[in-house]
Amino acid sequence: MAKNPDLLIEKRRDEILEVFLTLYEKKSLGDINIKTLAEETRFTRATIYNYFKNIDEIFICAYQKEYLLWAEDLTQILTKNEKLTQEEFADKIAGSLVRRERMLRFSVADFHEREANCRREFVFSHKLAFTQAINRMHDCFAKFFPDKSEEDITKMLYIFFPFMHGMYRYVDLSDVQIEARQAADMPLKETSIYELAYNMIVQILK
């Protein structure tokens, strides 16, 4: 029986993505390219180029998968809870973002420039995954805070997502950045993904 070519393409892309994610845990994004991936896989560079045009397409696929995983987390919050107070809701959303630290790290990696280097199919797939996350957050707001109007929820989403996409810069600090903050007498203390997300959710629900 002939193999399904679409399933084979998906399998090969998943294999390459797994290697990319493994390298991403040990290297900065700028140190990962098609050559380094080929050195860590059973594929040649020419073979990898059959599935991805460049490293940006691999990045956007990895980012897409993180959004899908987070959308699943939000679905669990939505379906396993009948009622939540503001504090309980903030706790669950903050906890979900702690588990998706890699997604937050991706969000500060010059995403728009990378997306511009990708073919339409990759950009469209990523937007579909992002839309799932937006819809699940919308549904969570609507279910647990029925006093909020559709206009209120839209405003909260426009506060939440831009904040979420920039928050990792405030928790992933190098030694030099910490020293520079101290030298500048910066009034911001060290914080965490959980603390930032929890406080922000509580604030926008007031």
Foldseek 3Di string as FASTA:
>chain_A
DDDDVVVVLVVVLVVLLVLVVVVVVPDPLVVDWLCVSVVVDVDHSVRVCVNFVIVLLSLLVNLLVLLLVLLVLLVCVLPVDQEDDLLRVLQSNLVSVVVSVVNLVSLPPVNVVSLVVGDPVSNVSSVVSNVSNLVSQLSVCCRHPVVADPVLSVVLSVVQPVCSSPVVVQADDDPVRVVVCVVVVPPDDHDDSSVSSSVSSSVSVD
